[in-house]
Protein backbone atom coordinates (compact mmCIF):
# COMPACT_ATOMS: atom_id res chain seq x y z
CA MET A 1 6.65 -1.36 -11.44
CA PRO A 2 3.80 -3.28 -9.35
CA SER A 3 1.84 -0.74 -6.86
CA THR A 4 -1.82 -1.04 -5.66
CA ALA A 5 -2.44 2.37 -6.21
CA THR A 6 -5.69 2.78 -7.90
CA THR A 7 -5.69 5.73 -9.98
CA THR A 8 -7.10 5.93 -13.55
CA ARG A 9 -9.08 2.62 -12.79
CA PRO A 10 -12.83 2.02 -14.05
CA SER A 11 -14.92 2.63 -11.13
CA ALA A 12 -17.12 0.43 -9.22
CA ALA A 13 -20.17 0.52 -11.51
CA VAL A 14 -18.73 -1.61 -13.88
CA LEU A 15 -19.79 -4.45 -11.55
CA GLY A 16 -22.95 -6.58 -11.03
CA GLN A 17 -24.70 -6.09 -7.84
CA GLN A 18 -23.18 -9.16 -5.97
CA GLU A 19 -19.24 -8.16 -7.17
CA ARG A 20 -20.12 -5.17 -5.70
CA GLU A 21 -21.29 -6.77 -2.51
CA VAL A 22 -18.32 -9.02 -2.72
CA LEU A 23 -15.60 -5.71 -3.25
CA HIS A 24 -17.20 -3.88 -0.13
CA ALA A 25 -17.03 -7.13 2.12
CA VAL A 26 -13.50 -7.16 0.99
CA GLY A 27 -12.63 -4.17 1.45
CA CYS A 28 -13.96 -4.26 5.32
CA GLY A 29 -11.43 -6.72 5.38
CA LEU A 30 -13.54 -9.56 5.66
CA ARG A 31 -11.68 -12.81 4.62
CA ASP A 32 -13.10 -15.26 1.90
CA ASP A 33 -14.84 -17.78 4.56
CA GLU A 34 -16.30 -14.59 6.15
CA VAL A 35 -17.47 -12.59 2.98
CA ALA A 36 -19.64 -16.42 2.16
CA ALA A 37 -20.67 -16.26 5.23
CA ALA A 38 -22.04 -12.84 5.23
CA LEU A 39 -23.76 -13.02 1.53
CA GLY A 40 -24.91 -16.65 1.68
CA VAL A 41 -22.54 -17.86 -0.76
CA SER A 42 -19.37 -20.89 -1.40
CA GLU A 43 -16.35 -19.95 -0.88
CA GLU A 44 -15.54 -20.74 -4.49
CA ASP A 45 -18.50 -17.97 -5.79
CA VAL A 46 -16.37 -15.57 -3.51
CA ALA A 47 -12.96 -16.41 -4.99
CA GLY A 48 -14.30 -16.15 -8.53
CA HIS A 49 -16.34 -12.61 -7.91
CA LEU A 50 -13.15 -11.30 -6.63
CA ALA A 51 -10.64 -12.58 -9.58
CA ARG A 52 -13.82 -11.00 -11.98
CA ILE A 53 -13.56 -7.80 -9.89
CA LEU A 54 -9.76 -7.75 -9.98
CA GLY A 55 -9.90 -8.43 -14.34
CA LYS A 56 -12.65 -5.67 -14.48
CA LEU A 57 -11.15 -2.90 -12.34
CA GLY A 58 -7.58 -4.05 -13.87
CA LEU A 59 -6.70 -3.98 -10.30
CA ARG A 60 -3.55 -6.36 -9.09
CA ASP A 61 -4.14 -8.34 -5.94
CA ARG A 62 -6.56 -8.21 -3.05
CA ALA A 63 -4.76 -5.43 -1.78
CA ALA A 64 -5.32 -3.01 -4.55
CA ALA A 65 -9.04 -4.50 -4.60
CA ILE A 66 -9.17 -3.43 -0.58
CA VAL A 67 -7.74 -0.26 -1.45
CA HIS A 68 -9.83 0.73 -4.75
CA ALA A 69 -13.10 -0.05 -1.99
CA PHE A 70 -11.81 3.19 -0.36
CA ASP A 71 -10.95 5.67 -3.22
CA CYS A 72 -14.40 4.34 -4.85
CA GLY A 73 -16.03 5.45 -1.89
CA LEU A 74 -17.24 2.07 -1.07
CA VAL A 75 -16.64 1.98 2.53
CA ALA A 76 -15.52 4.70 3.86
CA PRO A 77 -12.64 4.62 6.53
CA GLY A 78 -13.68 5.19 10.07
CA ARG A 79 -17.65 5.94 9.63
CA GLY A 80 -18.11 1.73 8.52
CA PRO A 81 -19.75 0.72 5.10
CA ARG A 82 -21.65 2.90 3.10
CA THR A 83 -23.38 0.13 1.81
CA ARG A 84 -25.40 -2.67 2.60
CA GLY A 85 -23.25 -5.67 3.02
CA ALA A 86 -21.18 -7.50 5.11
CA ASP A 87 -20.00 -6.04 8.77
CA PRO A 88 -16.90 -4.86 8.56
CA VAL A 89 -16.08 -6.34 12.04
CA PRO A 90 -16.79 -10.24 11.63
CA ARG A 91 -19.08 -12.28 13.82
CA GLY A 92 -18.04 -15.24 15.76
CA THR A 93 -14.76 -13.56 16.42
CA GLY A 94 -15.64 -13.73 19.94
CA GLY A 95 -13.56 -11.84 22.74
CA ARG A 96 -10.73 -11.53 20.29
CA THR A 97 -10.90 -7.39 19.36
CA ALA A 98 -11.03 -6.82 23.70
CA GLY A 99 -7.54 -6.02 25.42
CA PRO A 100 -4.36 -5.37 24.21
CA LYS A 101 -3.53 -6.40 20.72
CA VAL A 102 -0.78 -7.43 18.62
CA ARG A 103 1.05 -4.76 16.30
CA ILE A 104 2.71 -5.73 12.93
CA SER A 105 4.96 -3.44 11.31
CA VAL A 106 6.04 -4.26 7.42
CA LEU A 107 7.34 -0.57 6.57
CA GLY A 108 10.31 -0.94 7.33
CA PRO A 109 12.51 -3.73 9.30
CA LEU A 110 9.91 -6.47 10.26
CA ARG A 111 8.83 -5.61 14.05
CA ALA A 112 5.95 -6.78 16.19
CA TRP A 113 4.72 -5.50 19.46
CA HIS A 114 2.51 -6.55 22.69
CA ASP A 115 0.48 -4.48 24.56
CA GLY A 116 3.64 -1.74 23.76
CA ARG A 117 6.29 -4.19 24.15
CA PRO A 118 8.22 -5.15 21.71
CA LEU A 119 8.51 -8.97 20.79
CA ASP A 120 11.73 -11.08 19.90
CA LEU A 121 10.55 -12.79 16.28
CA GLY A 122 13.27 -14.78 16.13
CA HIS A 123 15.66 -15.58 13.10
CA LEU A 124 14.58 -14.00 9.53
CA ARG A 125 13.24 -16.94 7.99
CA GLN A 126 10.59 -17.28 10.92
CA GLN A 127 10.35 -13.29 10.72
CA ALA A 128 9.33 -14.13 6.97
CA VAL A 129 7.13 -16.23 7.35
CA LEU A 130 5.23 -14.03 9.96
CA ALA A 131 5.97 -11.35 7.29
CA ALA A 132 3.94 -13.09 4.68
CA LEU A 133 0.85 -13.46 7.02
CA ALA A 134 0.49 -9.51 7.86
CA LEU A 135 1.27 -9.27 4.24
CA HIS A 136 -2.06 -11.08 3.34
CA ARG A 137 -3.72 -10.51 5.96
CA GLY A 138 -7.53 -11.25 5.94
CA ARG A 139 -7.00 -14.43 4.13
CA THR A 140 -5.20 -17.81 4.46
CA VAL A 141 -2.34 -18.20 2.92
CA SER A 142 -1.25 -22.14 1.85
CA ARG A 143 1.66 -23.85 2.65
CA GLN A 144 2.81 -24.22 -0.56
CA GLU A 145 3.09 -19.99 -0.75
CA LEU A 146 5.02 -19.74 2.34
CA LEU A 147 7.29 -22.25 0.47
CA ASP A 148 7.13 -20.29 -2.48
CA GLY A 149 7.20 -16.77 -0.75
CA VAL A 150 9.88 -17.49 1.80
CA TRP A 151 12.09 -20.04 0.07
CA GLY A 152 11.66 -19.81 -3.27
CA SER A 153 13.49 -22.27 -5.46
CA GLU A 154 15.25 -23.64 -2.59
CA PRO A 155 12.42 -25.07 -0.71
CA PRO A 156 13.68 -26.61 2.66
CA VAL A 157 14.21 -30.21 2.87
CA THR A 158 12.23 -31.10 6.04
CA ASN A 159 8.63 -29.99 6.45
CA VAL A 160 9.48 -26.23 8.88
CA VAL A 161 6.80 -24.65 8.09
CA PRO A 162 4.63 -26.09 11.11
CA VAL A 163 7.19 -25.25 13.48
CA HIS A 164 7.89 -21.33 12.36
CA VAL A 165 4.30 -20.98 13.13
CA TYR A 166 4.36 -23.13 16.25
CA ARG A 167 7.31 -20.45 17.35
CA LEU A 168 5.55 -17.90 16.40
CA ARG A 169 2.65 -18.33 18.15
CA LYS A 170 4.13 -18.94 21.29
CA THR A 171 5.50 -14.75 21.00
CA LEU A 172 2.64 -13.83 19.95
CA ARG A 173 0.40 -14.85 22.14
CA THR A 174 -2.27 -12.43 23.62
CA GLY A 175 -3.73 -14.25 26.04
CA ASP A 176 -3.74 -18.31 27.62
CA CYS A 177 -4.04 -19.53 23.93
CA PRO A 178 -0.53 -20.11 21.94
CA GLY A 179 -2.73 -20.06 18.98
CA SER A 180 -4.71 -17.13 19.61
CA VAL A 181 -3.05 -15.05 16.82
CA ILE A 182 -1.99 -17.65 13.99
CA GLU A 183 -5.18 -19.49 12.94
CA HIS A 184 -5.09 -22.83 11.24
CA ASP A 185 -7.16 -25.15 8.78
CA ARG A 186 -7.12 -27.10 6.20
CA TYR A 187 -6.18 -24.96 3.49
CA GLY A 188 -2.99 -23.41 5.85
CA TYR A 189 -2.74 -20.12 8.19
CA ARG A 190 -4.09 -16.47 8.52
CA LEU A 191 -3.61 -13.86 11.23
CA ALA A 192 -6.74 -14.18 13.33
CA VAL A 193 -9.05 -11.17 12.92
CA GLY A 194 -9.58 -8.67 15.47
CA ALA A 195 -6.37 -9.90 17.22
CA THR A 196 -3.71 -8.13 15.20
CA GLU A 197 -2.79 -4.67 13.48
CA VAL A 198 -0.51 -3.81 10.48
CA ASP A 199 1.07 -0.54 9.80
CA LEU A 200 0.23 -1.08 5.91
CA ALA A 201 -3.40 -1.41 6.66
CA ASP A 202 -3.67 1.29 8.71
CA MET A 203 -1.51 3.59 5.71
CA GLU A 204 -3.87 2.31 3.27
CA ALA A 205 -6.77 3.33 5.28
CA LEU A 206 -5.11 6.91 5.60
CA VAL A 207 -4.47 6.96 2.00
CA GLY A 208 -8.53 6.29 1.07
CA ALA A 209 -9.59 8.83 3.10
CA ALA A 210 -7.02 10.95 2.06
CA GLY A 211 -8.78 10.48 -1.64
CA THR A 212 -11.85 10.99 -0.21
CA ALA A 213 -10.87 14.61 1.31
CA ASP A 214 -9.21 15.45 -1.82
CA ARG A 215 -13.16 14.57 -3.57
CA ALA A 216 -14.61 16.21 -1.59
CA GLY A 217 -12.59 19.43 -2.00
CA ASP A 218 -11.19 19.41 1.38
CA LEU A 219 -7.18 20.01 0.25
CA PRO A 220 -5.75 20.62 3.70
CA GLU A 221 -7.17 17.30 4.72
CA ALA A 222 -6.02 15.37 2.27
CA VAL A 223 -2.56 16.86 2.78
CA ARG A 224 -3.10 15.66 6.34
CA LEU A 225 -3.51 12.38 6.09
CA CYS A 226 -1.07 12.17 3.18
CA SER A 227 1.14 13.33 6.02
CA GLN A 228 0.01 10.24 8.51
CA ALA A 229 0.30 7.76 6.16
CA LEU A 230 3.89 8.83 5.35
CA ASP A 231 4.82 9.03 8.85
CA LEU A 232 4.34 5.26 9.25
CA PHE A 233 6.99 4.32 6.89
CA ARG A 234 10.49 3.78 8.73
CA GLY A 235 13.24 3.18 6.00
CA GLU A 236 12.94 -0.10 3.39
CA PRO A 237 10.31 -2.04 3.83
CA LEU A 238 11.02 -5.43 5.22
CA ALA A 239 14.57 -4.01 5.17
CA GLY A 240 17.37 -7.80 5.38
CA LEU A 241 14.09 -9.89 4.90
CA PRO A 242 15.19 -13.04 2.16
CA GLY A 243 12.89 -14.76 0.10
CA PRO A 244 10.86 -13.56 -3.30
CA LEU A 245 7.94 -12.35 -1.95
CA ALA A 246 9.50 -10.07 0.86
CA GLU A 247 12.25 -8.71 -2.69
CA LEU A 248 8.66 -8.00 -4.35
CA GLU A 249 7.04 -6.27 -1.85
CA ARG A 250 10.05 -3.95 -0.78
CA VAL A 251 9.43 -2.87 -4.48
CA ARG A 252 5.92 -2.49 -4.69
CA LEU A 253 5.65 -0.88 -1.05
CA THR A 254 8.52 1.42 -1.87
CA GLU A 255 6.66 2.69 -4.94
CA ARG A 256 3.57 3.32 -2.97
CA ARG A 257 5.38 5.25 -0.82
CA ILE A 258 6.83 7.16 -3.79
CA THR A 259 3.05 7.36 -5.23
CA VAL A 260 1.67 9.14 -1.79
CA ALA A 261 4.44 11.49 -1.60
CA GLN A 262 3.53 12.59 -5.32
CA ARG A 263 -0.03 13.14 -4.05
CA ARG A 264 0.86 15.19 -1.18
CA SER A 265 3.06 17.26 -3.25
CA ARG A 266 0.55 17.42 -5.99
CA TRP A 267 -2.24 18.81 -3.17
CA ARG A 268 0.48 21.09 -1.72
CA LEU A 269 1.00 22.52 -5.63
CA ALA A 270 -2.65 22.77 -5.64
CA LEU A 271 -2.43 25.03 -1.94
CA GLY A 272 0.68 27.38 -3.59
CA GLN A 273 2.62 25.51 -0.96
CA PHE A 274 5.78 25.62 -3.20
CA THR A 275 8.50 25.94 -0.24
CA GLY A 276 7.02 23.22 0.93
CA ALA A 277 6.45 20.51 -2.15
CA ILE A 278 9.86 21.33 -3.49
CA ALA A 279 11.11 20.42 0.08
CA GLU A 280 9.78 17.16 -0.14
CA LEU A 281 10.47 16.41 -4.47
CA VAL A 282 13.75 17.25 -3.77
CA ALA A 283 14.64 15.13 -0.94
CA LEU A 284 12.27 12.28 -2.98
CA SER A 285 14.17 12.48 -6.09
CA ALA A 286 17.87 12.45 -4.26
CA GLU A 287 16.65 8.74 -3.08
CA HIS A 288 15.24 8.08 -6.62
CA PRO A 289 17.16 10.35 -8.68
CA LEU A 290 15.97 7.60 -12.18
CA ASN A 291 12.60 7.59 -11.51
CA GLU A 292 11.36 10.90 -14.36
CA PRO A 293 7.54 11.28 -12.80
CA VAL A 294 9.22 12.42 -9.50
CA ALA A 295 11.74 14.99 -11.41
CA ALA A 296 9.19 16.20 -13.65
CA MET A 297 7.39 17.37 -10.58
CA LEU A 298 9.84 18.32 -9.28
CA MET A 299 10.73 20.58 -12.22
CA GLU A 300 7.49 21.77 -12.38
CA ALA A 301 7.21 23.19 -8.69
CA LEU A 302 10.72 25.05 -9.29
CA TYR A 303 9.23 26.58 -12.03
CA ARG A 304 6.12 27.31 -10.62
CA GLY A 305 7.94 28.79 -7.52
CA GLY A 306 10.01 31.04 -9.36
CA ARG A 307 13.21 28.74 -10.54
CA GLN A 308 13.17 28.25 -14.18
CA ALA A 309 16.57 27.89 -14.14
CA ASP A 310 16.57 24.95 -10.89
CA ALA A 311 13.97 23.26 -12.68
CA LEU A 312 15.97 23.21 -15.96
CA ALA A 313 19.03 21.91 -14.25
CA VAL A 314 17.01 19.20 -12.75
CA PHE A 315 15.86 17.70 -16.42
CA ASP A 316 19.57 17.81 -17.60
CA ARG A 317 21.06 16.35 -14.36
CA THR A 318 18.11 13.40 -14.95
CA ARG A 319 18.99 13.39 -18.56
CA ARG A 320 22.58 12.42 -17.99
CA ARG A 321 22.04 10.36 -14.85
CA LEU A 322 19.27 8.35 -17.76
CA ALA A 323 22.32 8.50 -20.35
CA GLU A 324 25.08 6.82 -17.89
CA ASP A 325 23.04 4.80 -15.95
CA LEU A 326 20.15 3.35 -18.07
CA GLY A 327 21.49 4.29 -21.54
CA VAL A 328 18.18 5.68 -22.17
CA PRO A 329 16.56 8.89 -23.22
CA PRO A 330 14.43 10.86 -21.03
CA SER A 331 10.73 9.91 -21.40
CA PRO A 332 7.83 11.81 -22.95
CA VAL A 333 6.70 12.84 -20.01
CA LEU A 334 9.83 14.45 -18.76
CA ARG A 335 10.66 16.01 -22.45
CA ARG A 336 7.12 17.54 -22.35
CA THR A 337 7.67 19.34 -18.75
CA HIS A 338 10.98 20.60 -20.42
CA GLN A 339 9.21 22.16 -23.34
CA LEU A 340 6.30 23.44 -21.19
CA ILE A 341 8.77 24.91 -18.80
CA LEU A 342 10.48 27.05 -21.82
CA ARG A 343 7.75 28.21 -23.37
CA GLY A 344 6.04 28.87 -20.42
CA ALA A 345 9.52 31.50 -20.06
CA GLN A 346 9.39 32.50 -23.39
CA ALA A 347 5.91 33.74 -22.85
CA GLY A 348 6.39 35.51 -20.02
CA PRO A 349 6.40 35.32 -16.31
CA ASP A 350 2.54 33.88 -15.16
CA ARG A 351 3.89 30.49 -13.80
CA THR A 352 0.71 29.58 -12.52
CA GLY A 353 -0.11 27.19 -14.70
CA ALA A 354 2.45 26.00 -16.14
CA ALA A 355 3.69 22.03 -16.63
CA ARG A 356 0.43 20.90 -15.76
């Protein structure tokens, strides 16, 4: 499944100096035009650098690049940039950062609030347009991208995108100007920098901070930050929204949540918090019974917590589900965990390093 997780990626050391500066600016949340202005290059150069960055680091998209910038320490959450580059808050945004903002949530059914007041976002297609802008926060989304992402192979017969955007502007406005939240130029539409907060960006920042805490050896802090990130999920991401983009993002964000939950469980196991890790993994396995990495981690947690029979039962249950639902045998990772548990049980009662 696609994911923005950046584990096992090459480090930023493979990048050239200007590529590092572009990645730093992207990690700070700047759009291409703002990166170009900050670095004194053209937008075309920025787009070219970003494409090379994604290729060199094996990243899927801009969101993954932002996560990688945090994970590799190029951008420090809550402490501004660590290296010379673009300002974390772009110049020229006027007073948009002052006063109440629009908060948008995509980690569940799409919702928005202005100054704590819930907003009526209209019918589902209109909501899907806003979701597309929120998911691409920080860059311009072309009209064609919106048509492809929201309507797919059945585009509307009329030019409805500007109509939806106009209505959303009226709903989301934070002042007297109806266009204060959604901006438009010849390339398309984007959420105005400083006028919105999106829970997805908050979640990724927390995950990045948790990775930083892990590298510093502060596992309790890493667990705490991961818990805050997981608390932002409110059910199925973008539940009920139509269109190929929402469908793809539902899968991606669900996988992201699983990855973050696995990280937290791994850190809890390292801290010896077997009861908490087992409870989390049992719930996660019940939600995703065909996810073999989750099943393998649950087996490890149960065994290290002194519950060998339960660990082997998880293997048998998962093996049956895979055969019945997918017609496939267990993967190497599941079989390897099973064999390690069997060998550990035969060797004696010491379980501290089993199934790693």
